[in-house]
Amino acid sequence: MNNGAKIGIASAATVLLLAGGYGAYALVSGDSDGKDAAKKPRTVVAEPPSPELAASGAKAFLDAWAKGDLFAAAKLTDDPDKAQAALQAFHDNVKPSAVHLTVGGPTTAPSPAASKSAAPSASASSTAAAGPTGVLESFKASLEFAEAGSPWNYDGVLGVVKMSDGTAAVHWAPTVIHPKLDATETIGVKPVFAAPAAVTDRKGKPLAGYASLTGLLNQLKAAAPQGGSPEDAGTAVVISPASGNGPAEKVFTLKEPKPVPNLKLTLDADLQAAAESAVAAQGKPGSLVAIEPSTGGILAYAFSPTTGQNRAFSGATAPGSTLKVLTAAALLEAGITPTTSMPCPETTMVTGKSIANDFKGAHPEYTLTDAFINSCNTSFIEKGKDVLKANSLPSLAKDVFGIGLVWKTGLSNFDTDIPVETSMAGAASEFIGQGKVRANPLGMASIAATVQSGVFKQPILVPGMDQVKAARTLSPDVLSSLRSLMTQTVKSGTAAAVKPALPAGSGAKTGTAEVDNSADANSWFTAYSGDLAVAAEFQGAGHGSAAAGPASSKVLAVGNHK
């Protein structure tokens, strides 16, 4: 495509025009064949042309331009050299197949765009000292193009001044060519592309305005093709800054570009709004993720402060007792049943450190169900040391829940890490989500989603993305028992205290995670209800039912409405 050529009046000439210096433009009168030896300077005079003279001058110029006689058209202006260069550049760079120009008649003022270029005053009271007076004439342009189905029509305005030989001349300015063109711009036919794709939720709703999504939307914008593919381009007449810097303005489309389809994410605007509100309401640093178990689609995520790290995806802290979902699954696969005895001593020792529970007293009568719904640390540590191996939890997490596989979600994320310990002493802390375990709500929501659906579906933000698969699933009996433990936690366990209450039929697990050098534990919660799984964490907010639970419940209450 041709680039627009610089069209306009040099800055020094503009100053002269603005100062009324028309006399500086001395044209030579006489015949064009060079036989007149006594050629006289032809200059602009202060006296305005009569209406008839102005109309005839405008018509003569427009007729010559329309016929393609650019030399003749330029001679009918007060600056033939600049006029011919500009008209030729317009002809070369825009390439109309036909030009139709019609005088419209006198007008009192130029269009707003035209007024930005120097033009002769239309005031009848102007004096010679203030500069010459001109007459403004309107005109209609209709340009045809071989590749366009309809003509380019626009209205123009040109100034007509009187010359010293008594003839009329068009006062040259870039706006003679087009009312939006000025001396700092070029005009030409260039490739154009459709507007960038809009990013929407799964239902086509816009996602702009959600603070937690700013980073994602900026990343998608940066990753979008710059300029598009040549085969997708259309063509248009474009006015551009001559410097090459700044936006261009399309004034006429010759060929429409190929439209760019919107990018639909797995996110749901209704759930996103609920997540943003629920996280902000806690007043502490925290985050939340909602996942659709049947597909792995991430329906919402939010974090606070929104100017900081996306801790929903990139956080890496101990998840506390929410990880007992995995430990319970490992115990069930090892032959433990929900009714198997799992005494809950008041304390137990792990690597020389005394571990206690969130409640006082011992409960020798506890079963697995009791230990799970009341979140007894000592029960899980003692039974884990008895029946599990040091690698039992990391192995199950990877093979069934996809924890330890590399996830590509569509946004940078930290993959939950459950290291393989070399001894049972080190593994014991992992049984209660402490030790070297590092997770975030993305990972913990996926665990709840896998329990709900029975099959690991790697979380994704863009439908159709590749999803790594887990090696196997839990047996039907183990899966049924695990779901029963989580639903019973909502009915009569630690999640029963969550306000607002979780929807009927929900399954959940609370977590209270101790963090080194922090006086207050972090609040964790993971749950599912229908085809919706949620996990949340809040720094220094205490028990899982105190902050993470209420935030999760508010999102679950919205539900997954496809």
Protein backbone atom coordinates (compact mmCIF):
# COMPACT_ATOMS: atom_id res chain seq x y z
CA MET A 1 0.00 0.00 0.00
CA ASN A 2 1.13 3.57 -0.57
CA ASN A 3 2.01 5.69 2.39
CA GLY A 4 0.43 9.12 2.69
CA ALA A 5 2.70 11.94 1.61
CA LYS A 6 3.15 15.06 3.66
CA ILE A 7 0.56 17.59 2.57
CA GLY A 8 0.40 21.15 3.85
CA ILE A 9 2.03 24.48 4.38
CA ALA A 10 5.35 24.83 6.13
CA SER A 11 5.23 26.39 9.57
CA ALA A 12 6.84 29.63 8.40
CA ALA A 13 4.18 30.04 5.73
CA THR A 14 1.49 29.35 8.30
CA VAL A 15 2.81 32.17 10.46
CA LEU A 16 2.68 34.52 7.48
CA LEU A 17 -0.87 33.53 6.70
CA LEU A 18 -1.97 33.98 10.28
CA ALA A 19 -0.37 37.41 10.26
CA GLY A 20 -2.22 38.36 7.08
CA GLY A 21 0.94 38.22 4.97
CA TYR A 22 -0.72 37.35 1.67
CA GLY A 23 1.48 39.82 -0.17
CA ALA A 24 4.42 37.51 0.41
CA TYR A 25 2.97 35.17 -2.19
CA ALA A 26 3.89 36.81 -5.51
CA LEU A 27 2.62 34.91 -8.51
CA VAL A 28 3.47 35.83 -12.10
CA SER A 29 0.67 36.90 -14.42
CA GLY A 30 0.90 36.41 -18.18
CA ASP A 31 0.35 33.68 -20.73
CA SER A 32 1.52 30.19 -19.91
CA ASP A 33 3.56 29.60 -23.07
CA GLY A 34 6.31 31.95 -21.95
CA LYS A 35 5.82 34.43 -24.81
CA ASP A 36 4.87 37.29 -22.48
CA ALA A 37 8.21 38.89 -21.66
CA ALA A 38 6.66 41.50 -19.39
CA LYS A 39 5.35 39.22 -16.69
CA LYS A 40 4.10 41.01 -13.61
CA PRO A 41 3.98 39.78 -10.01
CA ARG A 42 0.50 38.58 -9.11
CA THR A 43 -0.33 39.01 -5.44
CA VAL A 44 -3.28 38.68 -3.09
CA VAL A 45 -5.01 41.98 -2.37
CA ALA A 46 -6.99 43.05 0.67
CA GLU A 47 -10.22 43.58 -1.23
CA PRO A 48 -12.51 40.53 -1.22
CA PRO A 49 -13.69 39.07 -4.50
CA SER A 50 -17.28 39.65 -5.49
CA PRO A 51 -19.63 36.70 -4.88
CA GLU A 52 -19.70 36.04 -8.62
CA LEU A 53 -15.91 36.14 -8.91
CA ALA A 54 -15.50 33.88 -5.85
CA ALA A 55 -17.97 31.35 -7.23
CA SER A 56 -16.31 31.28 -10.65
CA GLY A 57 -12.85 30.98 -9.08
CA ALA A 58 -13.95 28.09 -6.90
CA LYS A 59 -15.65 26.35 -9.83
CA ALA A 60 -12.64 26.71 -12.09
CA PHE A 61 -10.36 25.19 -9.46
CA LEU A 62 -12.71 22.30 -8.67
CA ASP A 63 -13.30 21.56 -12.36
CA ALA A 64 -9.57 21.36 -13.07
CA TRP A 65 -8.97 19.15 -10.05
CA ALA A 66 -11.86 16.86 -10.99
CA LYS A 67 -10.51 16.46 -14.55
CA GLY A 68 -7.10 15.50 -13.18
CA ASP A 69 -5.39 18.62 -14.52
CA LEU A 70 -3.50 19.20 -11.29
CA PHE A 71 -1.13 21.76 -12.83
CA ALA A 72 -4.06 23.91 -13.96
CA ALA A 73 -5.81 23.48 -10.61
CA ALA A 74 -2.66 24.53 -8.74
CA LYS A 75 -2.29 27.63 -10.93
CA LEU A 76 -5.73 28.69 -9.74
CA THR A 77 -4.51 28.94 -6.11
CA ASP A 78 -2.46 31.55 -4.31
CA ASP A 79 0.41 29.05 -3.82
CA PRO A 80 0.75 26.91 -6.97
CA ASP A 81 3.89 25.04 -5.93
CA LYS A 82 2.51 23.76 -2.63
CA ALA A 83 -0.91 23.17 -4.14
CA GLN A 84 0.44 21.03 -6.97
CA ALA A 85 2.65 18.99 -4.64
CA ALA A 86 -0.27 18.35 -2.29
CA LEU A 87 -2.76 17.53 -5.02
CA GLN A 88 -0.28 15.18 -6.69
CA ALA A 89 0.43 13.43 -3.38
CA PHE A 90 -3.31 13.04 -2.82
CA HIS A 91 -3.74 11.60 -6.33
CA ASP A 92 -0.80 9.19 -5.91
CA ASN A 93 -1.60 7.99 -2.41
CA VAL A 94 -5.39 7.86 -2.44
CA LYS A 95 -5.74 6.77 -6.10
CA PRO A 96 -9.42 7.53 -6.79
CA SER A 97 -10.66 6.18 -10.11
CA ALA A 98 -12.89 9.24 -10.59
CA VAL A 99 -13.28 12.60 -8.83
CA HIS A 100 -16.51 14.61 -8.85
CA LEU A 101 -16.43 18.09 -7.27
CA THR A 102 -19.36 20.51 -7.16
CA VAL A 103 -19.50 24.07 -5.85
CA GLY A 104 -22.09 24.34 -3.10
CA GLY A 105 -22.19 28.10 -2.64
CA PRO A 106 -20.94 30.69 -0.17
CA THR A 107 -20.78 29.79 3.49
CA THR A 108 -20.26 31.98 6.55
CA ALA A 109 -17.70 29.90 8.40
CA PRO A 110 -15.47 26.89 7.80
CA SER A 111 -16.18 23.59 9.47
CA PRO A 112 -14.57 23.13 12.93
CA ALA A 113 -11.87 20.95 11.40
CA ALA A 114 -11.23 23.39 8.58
CA SER A 115 -10.81 26.28 10.97
CA LYS A 116 -7.59 24.76 12.32
CA SER A 117 -5.78 25.73 9.09
CA ALA A 118 -4.98 29.28 8.09
CA ALA A 119 -7.80 30.69 5.95
CA PRO A 120 -8.67 34.15 4.79
CA SER A 121 -11.03 36.10 6.99
CA ALA A 122 -14.66 36.06 5.92
CA SER A 123 -15.42 39.23 7.85
CA ALA A 124 -16.60 42.10 5.65
CA SER A 125 -15.18 44.58 8.16
CA SER A 126 -11.58 43.37 7.78
CA THR A 127 -9.09 46.02 6.71
CA ALA A 128 -5.95 45.78 4.66
CA ALA A 129 -3.87 46.28 7.79
CA ALA A 130 -5.46 43.21 9.31
CA GLY A 131 -4.94 41.18 6.16
CA PRO A 132 -6.96 40.48 3.03
CA THR A 133 -10.55 39.38 3.12
CA GLY A 134 -11.68 36.22 1.38
CA VAL A 135 -14.94 34.49 0.60
CA LEU A 136 -15.63 30.96 1.83
CA GLU A 137 -17.16 28.58 -0.68
CA SER A 138 -18.55 25.18 0.19
CA PHE A 139 -18.24 22.20 -2.11
CA LYS A 140 -19.25 18.57 -2.30
CA ALA A 141 -16.77 15.84 -3.15
CA SER A 142 -17.61 12.38 -4.46
CA LEU A 143 -14.66 10.08 -5.15
CA GLU A 144 -14.97 6.67 -6.76
CA PHE A 145 -12.68 3.68 -6.27
CA ALA A 146 -12.37 0.52 -8.31
CA GLU A 147 -12.36 -1.66 -5.19
CA ALA A 148 -15.19 0.12 -3.33
CA GLY A 149 -18.85 -0.48 -3.99
CA SER A 150 -19.93 3.03 -3.05
CA PRO A 151 -18.30 6.47 -3.49
CA TRP A 152 -16.58 8.46 -0.79
CA ASN A 153 -18.72 11.54 -0.25
CA TYR A 154 -17.75 14.46 1.94
CA ASP A 155 -18.35 18.20 2.26
CA GLY A 156 -15.49 20.66 1.96
CA VAL A 157 -14.82 24.37 2.34
CA LEU A 158 -12.26 26.49 0.52
CA GLY A 159 -11.39 30.17 0.77
CA VAL A 160 -11.30 32.34 -2.34
CA VAL A 161 -9.25 35.54 -2.42
CA LYS A 162 -8.87 38.33 -5.00
CA MET A 163 -5.58 38.70 -6.83
CA SER A 164 -3.85 41.88 -8.03
CA ASP A 165 -4.74 41.11 -11.65
CA GLY A 166 -8.45 41.12 -10.77
CA THR A 167 -8.85 37.33 -10.90
CA ALA A 168 -9.87 34.99 -8.09
CA ALA A 169 -7.64 32.34 -6.52
CA VAL A 170 -8.23 29.56 -4.04
CA HIS A 171 -6.31 30.22 -0.87
CA TRP A 172 -4.22 27.09 -0.43
CA ALA A 173 -4.46 25.13 2.83
CA PRO A 174 -4.45 21.36 3.55
CA THR A 175 -8.16 21.57 4.35
CA VAL A 176 -8.87 22.27 0.67
CA ILE A 177 -8.21 18.56 0.08
CA HIS A 178 -10.18 17.36 3.10
CA PRO A 179 -11.62 19.34 6.04
CA LYS A 180 -9.90 17.11 8.61
CA LEU A 181 -6.41 17.38 7.14
CA ASP A 182 -3.85 19.77 8.54
CA ALA A 183 -0.24 20.65 7.85
CA THR A 184 1.13 18.06 10.31
CA GLU A 185 -0.69 15.11 8.72
CA THR A 186 -0.69 12.88 5.66
CA ILE A 187 -3.54 11.19 3.82
CA GLY A 188 -3.44 7.93 1.90
CA VAL A 189 -4.89 4.45 1.47
CA LYS A 190 -3.52 2.03 4.03
CA PRO A 191 -4.28 -1.44 5.40
CA VAL A 192 -6.70 -1.38 8.31
CA PHE A 193 -7.67 -4.10 10.73
CA ALA A 194 -10.74 -4.82 12.76
CA ALA A 195 -10.93 -3.54 16.31
CA PRO A 196 -9.10 -5.76 18.82
CA ALA A 197 -11.14 -8.64 20.14
CA ALA A 198 -13.16 -7.90 23.23
CA VAL A 199 -12.55 -10.19 26.20
CA THR A 200 -15.82 -11.46 27.64
CA ASP A 201 -17.05 -13.97 30.15
CA ARG A 202 -18.49 -17.29 29.02
CA LYS A 203 -21.87 -15.64 28.37
CA GLY A 204 -20.45 -12.74 26.35
CA LYS A 205 -20.55 -10.17 29.16
CA PRO A 206 -17.65 -7.67 29.32
CA LEU A 207 -15.02 -8.23 31.99
CA ALA A 208 -13.58 -4.72 32.20
CA GLY A 209 -14.00 -3.07 35.57
CA TYR A 210 -13.16 -6.04 37.80
CA ALA A 211 -10.06 -5.01 39.71
CA SER A 212 -8.68 -8.53 40.15
CA LEU A 213 -8.84 -9.14 36.38
CA THR A 214 -6.76 -6.10 35.38
CA GLY A 215 -3.54 -8.09 35.07
CA LEU A 216 -5.20 -10.83 33.03
CA LEU A 217 -6.85 -8.39 30.62
CA ASN A 218 -3.59 -6.46 30.17
CA GLN A 219 -1.75 -9.71 29.49
CA LEU A 220 -4.30 -10.77 26.88
CA LYS A 221 -4.13 -7.34 25.25
CA ALA A 222 -0.33 -7.49 25.09
CA ALA A 223 -0.47 -10.99 23.61
CA ALA A 224 -2.96 -10.01 20.90
CA PRO A 225 -1.53 -9.81 17.35
CA GLN A 226 -0.18 -6.34 16.62
CA GLY A 227 -1.46 -5.20 13.22
CA GLY A 228 -3.10 -8.50 12.38
CA SER A 229 -2.41 -10.87 9.50
CA PRO A 230 -2.23 -9.42 5.96
CA GLU A 231 -5.01 -11.70 4.80
CA ASP A 232 -7.31 -10.22 7.47
CA ALA A 233 -6.66 -6.60 6.44
CA GLY A 234 -9.09 -4.23 4.82
CA THR A 235 -8.18 -0.91 3.20
CA ALA A 236 -9.22 2.63 3.99
CA VAL A 237 -8.39 6.26 3.38
CA VAL A 238 -6.54 7.26 6.53
CA ILE A 239 -5.30 10.56 7.91
CA SER A 240 -2.13 10.01 9.93
CA PRO A 241 0.40 12.16 11.78
CA ALA A 242 3.31 12.90 9.43
CA SER A 243 5.68 12.10 12.31
CA GLY A 244 4.38 8.54 12.48
CA ASN A 245 3.54 8.99 16.15
CA GLY A 246 -0.02 9.12 17.37
CA PRO A 247 -3.33 7.62 16.30
CA ALA A 248 -4.55 7.59 12.72
CA GLU A 249 -8.11 8.46 11.71
CA LYS A 250 -10.02 6.39 9.18
CA VAL A 251 -12.14 8.68 6.97
CA PHE A 252 -13.40 6.20 4.37
CA THR A 253 -13.38 2.40 4.15
CA LEU A 254 -12.72 0.84 0.78
CA LYS A 255 -12.69 -2.77 1.94
CA GLU A 256 -13.88 -3.94 5.34
CA PRO A 257 -11.29 -5.89 7.35
CA LYS A 258 -12.03 -9.42 8.47
CA PRO A 259 -13.82 -9.17 11.83
CA VAL A 260 -12.05 -10.49 14.91
CA PRO A 261 -14.21 -12.73 17.11
CA ASN A 262 -14.43 -11.88 20.78
CA LEU A 263 -12.32 -13.95 23.15
CA LYS A 264 -14.61 -15.74 25.57
CA LEU A 265 -13.02 -16.87 28.81
CA THR A 266 -14.36 -19.47 31.21
CA LEU A 267 -15.04 -16.70 33.75
CA ASP A 268 -18.58 -15.81 34.79
CA ALA A 269 -19.26 -12.11 35.40
CA ASP A 270 -21.89 -12.78 38.08
CA LEU A 271 -19.58 -15.04 40.05
CA GLN A 272 -16.67 -12.66 39.49
CA ALA A 273 -18.66 -9.81 41.00
CA ALA A 274 -19.55 -11.99 43.99
CA ALA A 275 -15.93 -13.06 44.44
CA GLU A 276 -14.62 -9.48 44.32
CA SER A 277 -17.22 -8.38 46.87
CA ALA A 278 -16.68 -11.36 49.18
CA VAL A 279 -12.91 -10.91 49.28
CA ALA A 280 -13.07 -7.14 49.80
CA ALA A 281 -15.60 -7.54 52.63
CA GLN A 282 -13.12 -9.42 54.83
CA GLY A 283 -10.81 -6.40 55.12
CA LYS A 284 -7.67 -8.54 55.13
CA PRO A 285 -5.20 -9.69 52.48
CA GLY A 286 -6.72 -12.75 50.89
CA SER A 287 -7.99 -14.47 47.77
CA LEU A 288 -10.63 -16.78 46.37
CA VAL A 289 -11.04 -19.04 43.32
CA ALA A 290 -14.20 -20.63 41.92
CA ILE A 291 -14.02 -23.60 39.50
CA GLU A 292 -16.55 -25.59 37.48
CA PRO A 293 -15.80 -29.22 38.44
CA SER A 294 -17.31 -30.75 35.28
CA THR A 295 -14.95 -28.84 32.96
CA GLY A 296 -12.14 -27.34 35.06
CA GLY A 297 -13.17 -23.89 33.83
CA ILE A 298 -12.16 -21.14 36.26
CA LEU A 299 -15.37 -19.19 36.87
CA ALA A 300 -13.98 -16.44 39.10
CA TYR A 301 -10.95 -15.35 41.06
CA ALA A 302 -10.32 -12.37 43.29
CA PHE A 303 -7.58 -11.13 45.54
CA SER A 304 -6.90 -8.28 47.93
CA PRO A 305 -5.14 -5.92 47.78
CA THR A 306 -5.78 -5.81 44.04
CA THR A 307 -2.62 -3.76 43.52
CA GLY A 308 -0.50 -6.55 44.92
CA GLN A 309 0.30 -10.15 44.04
CA ASN A 310 -2.42 -12.33 42.54
CA ARG A 311 -2.27 -14.60 45.56
CA ALA A 312 -5.25 -16.60 44.24
CA PHE A 313 -2.95 -18.07 41.57
CA SER A 314 0.56 -17.27 42.77
CA GLY A 315 0.27 -17.54 46.55
CA ALA A 316 2.37 -20.23 48.18
CA THR A 317 1.51 -20.79 51.83
CA ALA A 318 0.52 -23.75 53.99
CA PRO A 319 -3.18 -24.61 53.43
CA GLY A 320 -3.66 -26.05 56.89
CA SER A 321 -6.45 -28.52 57.54
CA THR A 322 -8.05 -28.10 54.12
CA LEU A 323 -5.35 -30.55 52.97
CA LYS A 324 -6.95 -33.19 55.22
CA VAL A 325 -9.22 -33.85 52.23
CA LEU A 326 -6.20 -35.49 50.59
CA THR A 327 -5.05 -37.17 53.80
CA ALA A 328 -8.54 -38.60 54.33
CA ALA A 329 -8.52 -39.92 50.75
CA ALA A 330 -5.13 -41.57 51.38
CA LEU A 331 -6.41 -43.14 54.63
CA LEU A 332 -9.55 -44.42 52.89
CA GLU A 333 -7.44 -45.98 50.14
CA ALA A 334 -5.28 -47.57 52.86
CA GLY A 335 -8.35 -49.39 54.22
CA ILE A 336 -9.58 -46.93 56.84
CA THR A 337 -13.37 -46.43 56.78
CA PRO A 338 -15.47 -43.50 58.04
CA THR A 339 -16.29 -45.54 61.15
CA THR A 340 -12.74 -46.75 61.87
CA SER A 341 -11.49 -45.69 65.28
CA MET A 342 -9.17 -42.66 65.15
CA PRO A 343 -8.59 -41.46 68.73
CA CYS A 344 -7.88 -37.77 69.14
CA PRO A 345 -5.26 -37.15 71.86
CA GLU A 346 -4.88 -33.62 73.16
CA THR A 347 -1.33 -33.37 71.77
CA THR A 348 1.19 -35.38 69.79
CA MET A 349 4.84 -34.94 68.87
CA VAL A 350 6.16 -34.22 65.37
CA THR A 351 9.91 -33.69 64.81
CA GLY A 352 10.34 -32.76 68.44
CA LYS A 353 7.47 -30.29 68.41
CA SER A 354 4.23 -30.69 70.30
CA ILE A 355 1.17 -30.46 68.04
CA ALA A 356 -2.21 -29.62 69.51
CA ASN A 357 -5.73 -29.12 68.18
CA ASP A 358 -7.94 -26.04 67.92
CA PHE A 359 -9.98 -27.37 70.82
CA LYS A 360 -9.16 -28.55 74.32
CA GLY A 361 -9.32 -32.09 75.59
CA ALA A 362 -8.82 -35.57 74.25
CA HIS A 363 -11.41 -37.65 72.39
CA PRO A 364 -10.45 -41.31 72.45
CA GLU A 365 -13.86 -42.19 70.98
CA TYR A 366 -13.32 -40.43 67.65
CA THR A 367 -13.71 -42.20 64.33
CA LEU A 368 -12.38 -40.98 60.97
CA THR A 369 -15.66 -39.12 60.51
CA ASP A 370 -15.33 -37.40 63.89
CA ALA A 371 -11.69 -36.53 63.30
CA PHE A 372 -12.45 -35.09 59.87
CA ILE A 373 -15.54 -33.02 60.67
CA ASN A 374 -13.97 -31.63 63.86
CA SER A 375 -10.54 -31.28 62.24
CA CYS A 376 -8.49 -33.18 64.81
CA ASN A 377 -4.82 -32.72 63.98
CA THR A 378 -3.57 -35.37 66.35
CA SER A 379 -5.89 -38.06 64.94
CA PHE A 380 -4.63 -37.52 61.41
CA ILE A 381 -0.99 -37.43 62.45
CA GLU A 382 -1.20 -40.58 64.60
CA LYS A 383 -3.23 -42.63 62.10
CA GLY A 384 -1.15 -41.33 59.21
CA LYS A 385 2.05 -42.47 60.84
CA ASP A 386 0.46 -45.90 61.43
CA VAL A 387 -0.91 -46.70 57.96
CA LEU A 388 0.62 -44.31 55.43
CA LYS A 389 4.09 -43.97 53.93
CA ALA A 390 6.24 -40.88 53.60
CA ASN A 391 5.30 -40.58 49.93
CA SER A 392 1.61 -41.55 50.26
CA LEU A 393 0.24 -38.00 50.19
CA PRO A 394 2.38 -36.59 47.34
CA SER A 395 1.72 -39.74 45.30
CA LEU A 396 -2.06 -39.65 45.72
CA ALA A 397 -2.13 -35.88 45.16
CA LYS A 398 -0.39 -36.25 41.79
CA ASP A 399 -2.03 -39.43 40.55
CA VAL A 400 -5.63 -38.53 41.44
CA PHE A 401 -5.83 -34.78 42.02
CA GLY A 402 -3.26 -33.52 39.50
CA ILE A 403 -1.25 -31.83 42.26
CA GLY A 404 2.39 -31.95 41.17
CA LEU A 405 1.64 -31.83 37.47
CA VAL A 406 2.47 -28.65 35.55
CA TRP A 407 -0.69 -26.64 34.92
CA LYS A 408 -1.06 -24.14 32.10
CA THR A 409 -4.14 -22.20 33.11
CA GLY A 410 -3.80 -19.19 30.79
CA LEU A 411 -2.27 -17.05 33.55
CA SER A 412 0.94 -17.41 35.51
CA ASN A 413 0.37 -19.59 38.55
CA PHE A 414 2.18 -21.44 41.31
CA ASP A 415 1.55 -25.19 41.25
CA THR A 416 0.65 -26.59 44.66
CA ASP A 417 3.69 -28.35 46.09
CA ILE A 418 3.58 -31.35 48.42
CA PRO A 419 7.20 -32.50 48.65
CA VAL A 420 8.12 -36.15 49.14
CA GLU A 421 9.71 -36.32 52.58
CA THR A 422 12.51 -38.76 53.33
CA SER A 423 11.05 -39.78 56.68
CA MET A 424 7.66 -40.24 58.29
CA ALA A 425 8.57 -37.55 60.82
CA GLY A 426 8.69 -34.98 58.02
CA ALA A 427 5.61 -36.36 56.29
CA ALA A 428 3.50 -36.16 59.47
CA SER A 429 3.27 -32.35 59.29
CA GLU A 430 2.02 -32.61 55.72
CA PHE A 431 -0.90 -34.77 56.85
CA ILE A 432 -2.41 -31.64 58.41
CA GLY A 433 -1.38 -29.20 55.65
CA GLN A 434 1.68 -27.83 57.45
CA GLY A 435 5.38 -28.56 57.08
CA LYS A 436 6.69 -27.85 53.58
CA VAL A 437 3.33 -27.93 51.80
CA ARG A 438 2.63 -24.79 49.75
CA ALA A 439 -0.67 -24.07 48.08
CA ASN A 440 -3.12 -21.37 47.01
CA PRO A 441 -6.88 -21.19 46.44
CA LEU A 442 -6.45 -22.28 42.80
CA GLY A 443 -5.01 -25.61 43.92
CA MET A 444 -7.38 -26.12 46.83
CA ALA A 445 -10.47 -25.26 44.78
CA SER A 446 -9.32 -27.86 42.24
CA ILE A 447 -9.13 -30.48 45.00
CA ALA A 448 -12.73 -29.77 46.03
CA ALA A 449 -13.77 -29.81 42.36
CA THR A 450 -12.17 -33.24 41.89
CA VAL A 451 -14.06 -34.61 44.88
CA GLN A 452 -17.32 -33.22 43.51
CA SER A 453 -16.90 -34.57 39.96
CA GLY A 454 -14.80 -37.65 40.71
CA VAL A 455 -12.35 -36.76 37.91
CA PHE A 456 -9.52 -34.23 37.92
CA LYS A 457 -10.07 -31.49 35.34
CA GLN A 458 -7.10 -29.16 35.22
CA PRO A 459 -8.23 -25.55 35.81
CA ILE A 460 -8.19 -23.33 32.71
CA LEU A 461 -9.22 -19.77 31.82
CA VAL A 462 -9.65 -20.21 28.06
CA PRO A 463 -12.03 -22.88 26.74
CA GLY A 464 -10.26 -25.51 24.69
CA MET A 465 -6.86 -25.12 26.33
CA ASP A 466 -4.87 -28.32 26.81
CA GLN A 467 -5.53 -29.85 30.21
CA VAL A 468 -3.10 -32.31 31.76
CA LYS A 469 -4.76 -35.48 32.98
CA ALA A 470 -4.34 -37.33 36.25
CA ALA A 471 -3.24 -40.96 36.08
CA ARG A 472 -6.31 -42.39 37.82
CA THR A 473 -9.46 -41.73 39.82
CA LEU A 474 -10.59 -42.77 43.28
CA SER A 475 -12.63 -45.94 43.55
CA PRO A 476 -16.40 -45.38 43.83
CA ASP A 477 -16.39 -46.49 47.49
CA VAL A 478 -13.53 -44.18 48.47
CA LEU A 479 -15.04 -41.27 46.55
CA SER A 480 -18.44 -41.79 48.16
CA SER A 481 -16.89 -41.90 51.65
CA LEU A 482 -14.83 -38.77 51.00
CA ARG A 483 -17.90 -36.86 49.82
CA SER A 484 -19.76 -38.04 52.90
CA LEU A 485 -17.02 -36.69 55.16
CA MET A 486 -17.20 -33.26 53.48
CA THR A 487 -21.00 -33.01 53.53
CA GLN A 488 -21.08 -34.10 57.18
CA THR A 489 -18.58 -31.29 57.97
CA VAL A 490 -21.18 -28.82 56.72
CA LYS A 491 -24.04 -30.45 58.63
CA SER A 492 -22.43 -30.92 62.03
CA GLY A 493 -18.73 -30.16 61.82
CA THR A 494 -16.52 -27.07 61.73
CA ALA A 495 -18.22 -25.71 58.58
CA ALA A 496 -21.63 -25.65 60.30
CA ALA A 497 -20.59 -22.42 62.01
CA VAL A 498 -20.12 -20.57 58.71
CA LYS A 499 -22.44 -17.59 58.24
CA PRO A 500 -24.16 -17.23 55.87
CA ALA A 501 -24.81 -20.95 55.88
CA LEU A 502 -23.63 -22.96 52.92
CA PRO A 503 -26.21 -24.19 50.38
CA ALA A 504 -27.90 -27.49 51.16
CA GLY A 505 -25.92 -30.49 49.97
CA SER A 506 -22.58 -28.68 50.10
CA GLY A 507 -19.37 -30.42 51.06
CA ALA A 508 -16.55 -28.50 52.76
CA LYS A 509 -13.40 -28.51 54.85
CA THR A 510 -12.12 -25.71 57.04
CA GLY A 511 -8.47 -24.90 57.61
CA THR A 512 -6.46 -22.93 60.14
CA ALA A 513 -2.85 -22.67 59.05
CA GLU A 514 -0.02 -21.64 61.31
CA VAL A 515 2.58 -19.47 59.62
CA ASP A 516 6.10 -18.91 60.91
CA ASN A 517 6.70 -15.54 62.61
CA SER A 518 2.98 -14.74 62.65
CA ALA A 519 0.90 -14.47 65.78
CA ASP A 520 -2.35 -15.04 63.90
CA ALA A 521 -3.16 -18.12 61.85
CA ASN A 522 -4.39 -17.90 58.28
CA SER A 523 -8.01 -18.72 57.54
CA TRP A 524 -8.64 -21.36 54.81
CA PHE A 525 -11.75 -22.95 53.38
CA THR A 526 -12.60 -25.21 50.46
CA ALA A 527 -16.06 -26.39 49.44
CA TYR A 528 -18.36 -27.43 46.62
CA SER A 529 -22.06 -27.10 45.87
CA GLY A 530 -23.51 -28.51 42.69
CA ASP A 531 -21.20 -27.90 39.73
CA LEU A 532 -19.26 -25.22 41.60
CA ALA A 533 -16.16 -25.52 43.79
CA VAL A 534 -14.56 -22.71 45.78
CA ALA A 535 -11.50 -22.17 47.93
CA ALA A 536 -10.41 -19.08 49.84
CA GLU A 537 -7.66 -17.93 52.19
CA PHE A 538 -7.22 -14.81 54.34
CA GLN A 539 -4.01 -13.80 56.02
CA GLY A 540 -4.09 -13.60 59.82
CA ALA A 541 -7.88 -14.08 59.91
CA GLY A 542 -7.94 -17.10 62.24
CA HIS A 543 -10.25 -20.08 61.94
CA GLY A 544 -11.47 -21.19 58.52
CA SER A 545 -15.10 -20.61 59.49
CA ALA A 546 -14.36 -17.00 60.50
CA ALA A 547 -13.31 -15.43 57.18
CA ALA A 548 -12.57 -17.85 54.34
CA GLY A 549 -15.78 -19.78 55.05
CA PRO A 550 -18.18 -16.79 54.82
CA ALA A 551 -16.45 -15.50 51.67
CA SER A 552 -16.77 -18.92 50.04
CA SER A 553 -20.38 -19.29 51.10
CA LYS A 554 -21.35 -16.00 49.46
CA VAL A 555 -19.94 -17.16 46.15
CA LEU A 556 -21.50 -20.62 46.39
CA ALA A 557 -24.87 -18.97 47.05
CA VAL A 558 -24.73 -17.34 43.60
CA GLY A 559 -24.48 -20.77 42.04
CA ASN A 560 -23.27 -21.96 38.65
CA HIS A 561 -25.93 -20.92 36.14
CA LYS A 562 -24.73 -21.74 32.64
